[in-house]
PDB file of N, CA and C in Angstrom:
ATOM      1  N   UNK A   1      84.314  57.065  92.036  1.00  0.00           N
ATOM      2  CA  UNK A   1      84.267  56.900  93.506  1.00  0.00           C
ATOM      3  C   UNK A   1      84.751  55.542  93.860  1.00  0.00           C
ATOM      4  N   UNK A   2      85.714  55.497  94.761  1.00  0.00           N
ATOM      5  CA  UNK A   2      86.274  54.186  95.214  1.00  0.00           C
ATOM      6  C   UNK A   2      85.194  53.352  95.945  1.00  0.00           C
ATOM      7  N   UNK A   3      85.384  51.966  95.856  1.00  0.00           N
ATOM      8  CA  UNK A   3      84.547  51.115  96.593  1.00  0.00           C
ATOM      9  C   UNK A   3      84.717  51.289  98.080  1.00  0.00           C
ATOM     10  N   UNK A   4      83.827  50.760  98.756  1.00  0.00           N
ATOM     11  CA  UNK A   4      83.924  50.838 100.259  1.00  0.00           C
ATOM     12  C   UNK A   4      84.788  49.612 100.632  1.00  0.00           C
ATOM     13  N   UNK A   5      85.531  49.829 101.685  1.00  0.00           N
ATOM     14  CA  UNK A   5      86.419  48.728 102.233  1.00  0.00           C
ATOM     15  C   UNK A   5      85.486  47.846 102.994  1.00  0.00           C
ATOM     16  N   UNK A   6      85.776  46.492 102.917  1.00  0.00           N
ATOM     17  CA  UNK A   6      85.049  45.607 103.689  1.00  0.00           C
ATOM     18  C   UNK A   6      85.444  45.638 105.192  1.00  0.00           C
ATOM     19  N   UNK A   7      84.646  45.129 106.083  1.00  0.00           N
ATOM     20  CA  UNK A   7      84.867  45.175 107.471  1.00  0.00           C
ATOM     21  C   UNK A   7      86.081  44.473 107.861  1.00  0.00           C
ATOM     22  N   UNK A   8      86.381  43.366 107.076  1.00  0.00           N
ATOM     23  CA  UNK A   8      87.650  42.594 107.279  1.00  0.00           C
ATOM     24  C   UNK A   8      88.801  43.476 106.837  1.00  0.00           C
ATOM     25  N   UNK A   9      88.791  44.137 105.750  1.00  0.00           N
ATOM     26  CA  UNK A   9      89.896  44.876 105.225  1.00  0.00           C
ATOM     27  C   UNK A   9      90.150  46.019 106.281  1.00  0.00           C
ATOM     28  N   UNK A  10      89.004  46.633 106.745  1.00  0.00           N
ATOM     29  CA  UNK A  10      89.208  47.705 107.781  1.00  0.00           C
ATOM     30  C   UNK A  10      89.992  47.251 109.027  1.00  0.00           C
ATOM     31  N   UNK A  11      89.552  45.943 109.565  1.00  0.00           N
ATOM     32  CA  UNK A  11      90.178  45.434 110.705  1.00  0.00           C
ATOM     33  C   UNK A  11      91.681  45.187 110.398  1.00  0.00           C
ATOM     34  N   UNK A  12      91.989  44.624 109.304  1.00  0.00           N
ATOM     35  CA  UNK A  12      93.366  44.239 109.123  1.00  0.00           C
ATOM     36  C   UNK A  12      94.217  45.628 108.883  1.00  0.00           C
ATOM     37  N   UNK A  13      93.689  46.527 108.132  1.00  0.00           N
ATOM     38  CA  UNK A  13      94.387  47.835 107.931  1.00  0.00           C
ATOM     39  C   UNK A  13      94.461  48.617 109.235  1.00  0.00           C
ATOM     40  N   UNK A  14      93.566  48.414 110.119  1.00  0.00           N
ATOM     41  CA  UNK A  14      93.655  49.124 111.452  1.00  0.00           C
ATOM     42  C   UNK A  14      94.787  48.722 112.272  1.00  0.00           C
ATOM     43  N   UNK A  15      95.378  47.624 111.919  1.00  0.00           N
ATOM     44  CA  UNK A  15      96.537  47.176 112.741  1.00  0.00           C
ATOM     45  C   UNK A  15      97.761  48.050 112.457  1.00  0.00           C
ATOM     46  N   UNK A  16      98.144  48.290 111.215  1.00  0.00           N
ATOM     47  CA  UNK A  16      99.385  49.138 110.998  1.00  0.00           C
ATOM     48  C   UNK A  16      98.945  50.645 110.637  1.00  0.00           C
ATOM     49  N   UNK A  17      97.685  50.922 110.388  1.00  0.00           N
ATOM     50  CA  UNK A  17      97.293  52.344 109.922  1.00  0.00           C
ATOM     51  C   UNK A  17      96.273  52.859 111.036  1.00  0.00           C
ATOM     52  N   UNK A  18      96.478  54.017 111.422  1.00  0.00           N
ATOM     53  CA  UNK A  18      95.588  54.714 112.474  1.00  0.00           C
ATOM     54  C   UNK A  18      94.206  54.957 111.921  1.00  0.00           C
ATOM     55  N   UNK A  19      94.145  55.284 110.542  1.00  0.00           N
ATOM     56  CA  UNK A  19      92.802  55.549 110.022  1.00  0.00           C
ATOM     57  C   UNK A  19      92.677  54.877 108.614  1.00  0.00           C
ATOM     58  N   UNK A  20      92.174  53.661 108.631  1.00  0.00           N
ATOM     59  CA  UNK A  20      92.006  52.931 107.350  1.00  0.00           C
ATOM     60  C   UNK A  20      91.355  53.634 106.199  1.00  0.00           C
ATOM     61  N   UNK A  21      90.278  54.316 106.519  1.00  0.00           N
ATOM     62  CA  UNK A  21      89.482  55.066 105.562  1.00  0.00           C
ATOM     63  C   UNK A  21      90.367  56.150 104.930  1.00  0.00           C
ATOM     64  N   UNK A  22      91.075  56.832 105.740  1.00  0.00           N
ATOM     65  CA  UNK A  22      92.001  57.977 105.217  1.00  0.00           C
ATOM     66  C   UNK A  22      93.006  57.284 104.349  1.00  0.00           C
ATOM     67  N   UNK A  23      93.594  56.252 104.794  1.00  0.00           N
ATOM     68  CA  UNK A  23      94.618  55.568 103.931  1.00  0.00           C
ATOM     69  C   UNK A  23      94.051  55.162 102.605  1.00  0.00           C
ATOM     70  N   UNK A  24      92.860  54.583 102.597  1.00  0.00           N
ATOM     71  CA  UNK A  24      92.152  54.207 101.380  1.00  0.00           C
ATOM     72  C   UNK A  24      91.827  55.418 100.442  1.00  0.00           C
ATOM     73  N   UNK A  25      91.298  56.460 101.117  1.00  0.00           N
ATOM     74  CA  UNK A  25      91.041  57.665 100.314  1.00  0.00           C
ATOM     75  C   UNK A  25      92.237  58.190  99.700  1.00  0.00           C
ATOM     76  N   UNK A  26      93.341  58.249 100.418  1.00  0.00           N
ATOM     77  CA  UNK A  26      94.712  58.749  99.828  1.00  0.00           C
ATOM     78  C   UNK A  26      95.105  57.893  98.708  1.00  0.00           C
ATOM     79  N   UNK A  27      95.036  56.522  98.905  1.00  0.00           N
ATOM     80  CA  UNK A  27      95.450  55.643  97.851  1.00  0.00           C
ATOM     81  C   UNK A  27      94.735  55.815  96.531  1.00  0.00           C
ATOM     82  N   UNK A  28      93.439  56.098  96.678  1.00  0.00           N
ATOM     83  CA  UNK A  28      92.575  56.329  95.589  1.00  0.00           C
ATOM     84  C   UNK A  28      92.764  57.644  94.945  1.00  0.00           C
ATOM     85  N   UNK A  29      93.138  58.601  95.685  1.00  0.00           N
ATOM     86  CA  UNK A  29      93.377  59.980  95.169  1.00  0.00           C
ATOM     87  C   UNK A  29      94.730  60.081  94.358  1.00  0.00           C
ATOM     88  N   UNK A  30      95.564  59.218  94.535  1.00  0.00           N
ATOM     89  CA  UNK A  30      96.926  59.249  93.910  1.00  0.00           C
ATOM     90  C   UNK A  30      96.645  58.641  92.470  1.00  0.00           C
ATOM     91  N   UNK A  31      97.252  59.388  91.544  1.00  0.00           N
ATOM     92  CA  UNK A  31      97.166  58.930  90.144  1.00  0.00           C
ATOM     93  C   UNK A  31      98.452  58.013  89.938  1.00  0.00           C
ATOM     94  N   UNK A  32      99.393  57.970  90.822  1.00  0.00           N
ATOM     95  CA  UNK A  32     100.683  57.216  90.621  1.00  0.00           C
ATOM     96  C   UNK A  32     100.502  55.772  91.045  1.00  0.00           C
ATOM     97  N   UNK A  33      99.612  55.365  91.717  1.00  0.00           N
ATOM     98  CA  UNK A  33      99.494  54.021  92.134  1.00  0.00           C
ATOM     99  C   UNK A  33      98.135  53.380  91.794  1.00  0.00           C
ATOM    100  N   UNK A  34      98.126  52.143  91.831  1.00  0.00           N
ATOM    101  CA  UNK A  34      96.944  51.306  91.605  1.00  0.00           C
ATOM    102  C   UNK A  34      96.441  51.019  93.052  1.00  0.00           C
ATOM    103  N   UNK A  35      95.358  51.628  93.473  1.00  0.00           N
ATOM    104  CA  UNK A  35      94.919  51.575  94.874  1.00  0.00           C
ATOM    105  C   UNK A  35      94.484  50.124  95.250  1.00  0.00           C
ATOM    106  N   UNK A  36      93.856  49.403  94.306  1.00  0.00           N
ATOM    107  CA  UNK A  36      93.408  48.038  94.684  1.00  0.00           C
ATOM    108  C   UNK A  36      94.712  47.112  94.835  1.00  0.00           C
ATOM    109  N   UNK A  37      95.747  47.393  93.999  1.00  0.00           N
ATOM    110  CA  UNK A  37      96.927  46.604  94.090  1.00  0.00           C
ATOM    111  C   UNK A  37      97.635  46.903  95.475  1.00  0.00           C
ATOM    112  N   UNK A  38      97.644  48.268  95.750  1.00  0.00           N
ATOM    113  CA  UNK A  38      98.226  48.638  97.098  1.00  0.00           C
ATOM    114  C   UNK A  38      97.494  47.998  98.201  1.00  0.00           C
ATOM    115  N   UNK A  39      96.237  47.935  98.167  1.00  0.00           N
ATOM    116  CA  UNK A  39      95.418  47.418  99.320  1.00  0.00           C
ATOM    117  C   UNK A  39      95.688  45.915  99.283  1.00  0.00           C
ATOM    118  N   UNK A  40      95.755  45.203  98.232  1.00  0.00           N
ATOM    119  CA  UNK A  40      96.058  43.718  98.238  1.00  0.00           C
ATOM    120  C   UNK A  40      97.393  43.486  98.882  1.00  0.00           C
ATOM    121  N   UNK A  41      98.356  44.239  98.475  1.00  0.00           N
ATOM    122  CA  UNK A  41      99.710  43.999  99.051  1.00  0.00           C
ATOM    123  C   UNK A  41      99.732  44.387 100.551  1.00  0.00           C
ATOM    124  N   UNK A  42      99.038  45.346 100.952  1.00  0.00           N
ATOM    125  CA  UNK A  42      99.067  45.827 102.385  1.00  0.00           C
ATOM    126  C   UNK A  42      98.321  44.665 103.223  1.00  0.00           C
ATOM    127  N   UNK A  43      97.245  44.160 102.698  1.00  0.00           N
ATOM    128  CA  UNK A  43      96.430  43.109 103.460  1.00  0.00           C
ATOM    129  C   UNK A  43      97.293  41.882 103.489  1.00  0.00           C
ATOM    130  N   UNK A  44      97.934  41.542 102.313  1.00  0.00           N
ATOM    131  CA  UNK A  44      98.793  40.368 102.268  1.00  0.00           C
ATOM    132  C   UNK A  44      99.866  40.389 103.379  1.00  0.00           C
ATOM    133  N   UNK A  45     100.509  41.615 103.432  1.00  0.00           N
ATOM    134  CA  UNK A  45     101.686  41.778 104.336  1.00  0.00           C
ATOM    135  C   UNK A  45     101.176  41.769 105.833  1.00  0.00           C
ATOM    136  N   UNK A  46     100.157  42.368 106.185  1.00  0.00           N
ATOM    137  CA  UNK A  46      99.673  42.701 107.558  1.00  0.00           C
ATOM    138  C   UNK A  46      98.684  41.632 108.034  1.00  0.00           C
ATOM    139  N   UNK A  47      97.980  40.839 107.181  1.00  0.00           N
ATOM    140  CA  UNK A  47      96.964  39.963 107.797  1.00  0.00           C
ATOM    141  C   UNK A  47      97.597  38.935 108.706  1.00  0.00           C
ATOM    142  N   UNK A  48      98.778  38.200 108.352  1.00  0.00           N
ATOM    143  CA  UNK A  48      99.293  37.249 109.263  1.00  0.00           C
ATOM    144  C   UNK A  48      99.688  37.880 110.626  1.00  0.00           C
ATOM    145  N   UNK A  49     100.301  39.103 110.554  1.00  0.00           N
ATOM    146  CA  UNK A  49     100.733  39.829 111.747  1.00  0.00           C
ATOM    147  C   UNK A  49      99.581  40.254 112.597  1.00  0.00           C
ATOM    148  N   UNK A  50      98.575  40.825 111.949  1.00  0.00           N
ATOM    149  CA  UNK A  50      97.211  41.136 112.663  1.00  0.00           C
ATOM    150  C   UNK A  50      96.614  39.900 113.384  1.00  0.00           C
ATOM    151  N   UNK A  51      96.471  38.779 112.592  1.00  0.00           N
ATOM    152  CA  UNK A  51      95.938  37.636 113.254  1.00  0.00           C
ATOM    153  C   UNK A  51      96.801  37.027 114.448  1.00  0.00           C
ATOM    154  N   UNK A  52      98.003  36.995 114.218  1.00  0.00           N
ATOM    155  CA  UNK A  52      98.938  36.555 115.377  1.00  0.00           C
ATOM    156  C   UNK A  52      98.861  37.408 116.541  1.00  0.00           C
ATOM    157  N   UNK A  53      98.905  38.686 116.327  1.00  0.00           N
ATOM    158  CA  UNK A  53      98.824  39.697 117.538  1.00  0.00           C
ATOM    159  C   UNK A  53      97.473  39.576 118.184  1.00  0.00           C
ATOM    160  N   UNK A  54      96.433  39.571 117.382  1.00  0.00           N
ATOM    161  CA  UNK A  54      95.036  39.456 118.037  1.00  0.00           C
ATOM    162  C   UNK A  54      94.874  38.172 118.709  1.00  0.00           C
ATOM    163  N   UNK A  55      95.365  37.066 118.150  1.00  0.00           N
ATOM    164  CA  UNK A  55      95.271  35.729 118.856  1.00  0.00           C
ATOM    165  C   UNK A  55      95.985  35.692 120.154  1.00  0.00           C
ATOM    166  N   UNK A  56      97.206  36.272 120.120  1.00  0.00           N
ATOM    167  CA  UNK A  56      98.087  36.253 121.313  1.00  0.00           C
ATOM    168  C   UNK A  56      97.617  37.158 122.398  1.00  0.00           C
ATOM    169  N   UNK A  57      96.944  38.245 122.108  1.00  0.00           N
ATOM    170  CA  UNK A  57      96.527  39.293 123.082  1.00  0.00           C
ATOM    171  C   UNK A  57      95.057  39.058 123.352  1.00  0.00           C
ATOM    172  N   UNK A  58      94.258  38.391 122.614  1.00  0.00           N
ATOM    173  CA  UNK A  58      92.911  38.168 122.871  1.00  0.00           C
ATOM    174  C   UNK A  58      92.157  39.465 123.143  1.00  0.00           C
ATOM    175  N   UNK A  59      91.468  39.576 124.308  1.00  0.00           N
ATOM    176  CA  UNK A  59      90.656  40.739 124.671  1.00  0.00           C
ATOM    177  C   UNK A  59      91.540  41.940 124.844  1.00  0.00           C
ATOM    178  N   UNK A  60      92.845  41.787 125.048  1.00  0.00           N
ATOM    179  CA  UNK A  60      93.718  42.927 125.208  1.00  0.00           C
ATOM    180  C   UNK A  60      94.243  43.482 123.959  1.00  0.00           C
ATOM    181  N   UNK A  61      93.928  42.946 122.809  1.00  0.00           N
ATOM    182  CA  UNK A  61      94.260  43.468 121.428  1.00  0.00           C
ATOM    183  C   UNK A  61      93.907  44.896 121.208  1.00  0.00           C
ATOM    184  N   UNK A  62      94.796  45.710 120.719  1.00  0.00           N
ATOM    185  CA  UNK A  62      94.522  47.040 120.300  1.00  0.00           C
ATOM    186  C   UNK A  62      95.023  47.343 119.063  1.00  0.00           C
ATOM    187  N   UNK A  63      94.121  47.960 118.097  1.00  0.00           N
ATOM    188  CA  UNK A  63      94.594  48.417 116.844  1.00  0.00           C
ATOM    189  C   UNK A  63      95.490  49.610 116.974  1.00  0.00           C
ATOM    190  N   UNK A  64      96.017  50.077 115.907  1.00  0.00           N
ATOM    191  CA  UNK A  64      97.011  51.201 115.837  1.00  0.00           C
ATOM    192  C   UNK A  64      96.453  52.405 116.532  1.00  0.00           C
ATOM    193  N   UNK A  65      95.230  52.817 116.169  1.00  0.00           N
ATOM    194  CA  UNK A  65      94.666  54.022 116.719  1.00  0.00           C
ATOM    195  C   UNK A  65      94.444  53.845 118.273  1.00  0.00           C
ATOM    196  N   UNK A  66      94.109  52.726 118.820  1.00  0.00           N
ATOM    197  CA  UNK A  66      94.081  52.501 120.212  1.00  0.00           C
ATOM    198  C   UNK A  66      95.423  52.557 120.812  1.00  0.00           C
ATOM    199  N   UNK A  67      96.428  51.907 120.145  1.00  0.00           N
ATOM    200  CA  UNK A  67      97.768  51.964 120.735  1.00  0.00           C
ATOM    201  C   UNK A  67      98.366  53.326 120.832  1.00  0.00           C
ATOM    202  N   UNK A  68      98.032  54.206 119.688  1.00  0.00           N
ATOM    203  CA  UNK A  68      98.449  55.596 119.857  1.00  0.00           C
ATOM    204  C   UNK A  68      97.783  56.312 120.941  1.00  0.00           C
ATOM    205  N   UNK A  69      96.492  56.065 121.134  1.00  0.00           N
ATOM    206  CA  UNK A  69      95.740  56.770 122.157  1.00  0.00           C
ATOM    207  C   UNK A  69      96.221  56.361 123.645  1.00  0.00           C
ATOM    208  N   UNK A  70      96.752  55.118 123.644  1.00  0.00           N
ATOM    209  CA  UNK A  70      97.228  54.628 124.916  1.00  0.00           C
ATOM    210  C   UNK A  70      98.681  55.039 125.177  1.00  0.00           C
ATOM    211  N   UNK A  71      99.255  55.686 124.155  1.00  0.00           N
ATOM    212  CA  UNK A  71     100.691  56.128 124.209  1.00  0.00           C
ATOM    213  C   UNK A  71     101.617  55.011 124.126  1.00  0.00           C
ATOM    214  N   UNK A  72     101.244  53.861 123.501  1.00  0.00           N
ATOM    215  CA  UNK A  72     102.030  52.667 123.364  1.00  0.00           C
ATOM    216  C   UNK A  72     102.930  52.802 122.073  1.00  0.00           C
ATOM    217  N   UNK A  73     103.929  52.068 122.124  1.00  0.00           N
ATOM    218  CA  UNK A  73     104.818  52.030 120.931  1.00  0.00           C
ATOM    219  C   UNK A  73     104.191  51.419 119.749  1.00  0.00           C
ATOM    220  N   UNK A  74     104.471  51.881 118.594  1.00  0.00           N
ATOM    221  CA  UNK A  74     103.764  51.358 117.357  1.00  0.00           C
ATOM    222  C   UNK A  74     103.981  49.924 117.092  1.00  0.00           C
TER     223      UNK A  74
END
């Protein structure tokens, strides 16, 4: 059974991914990839972008699921 994502990992993953838990479950279900490595790489790639966007937008920040629900561009 895969480990639980931390709240920080979920927040960062929620920037590019609509459902972080589904992404994590899929990564762990694949026998072709190292899920922990994929998670580290995705966090490393998106953390600076997430932090910059969240800082710039403040209270107006929306994660991917919220952007989709609002009909905004990805």
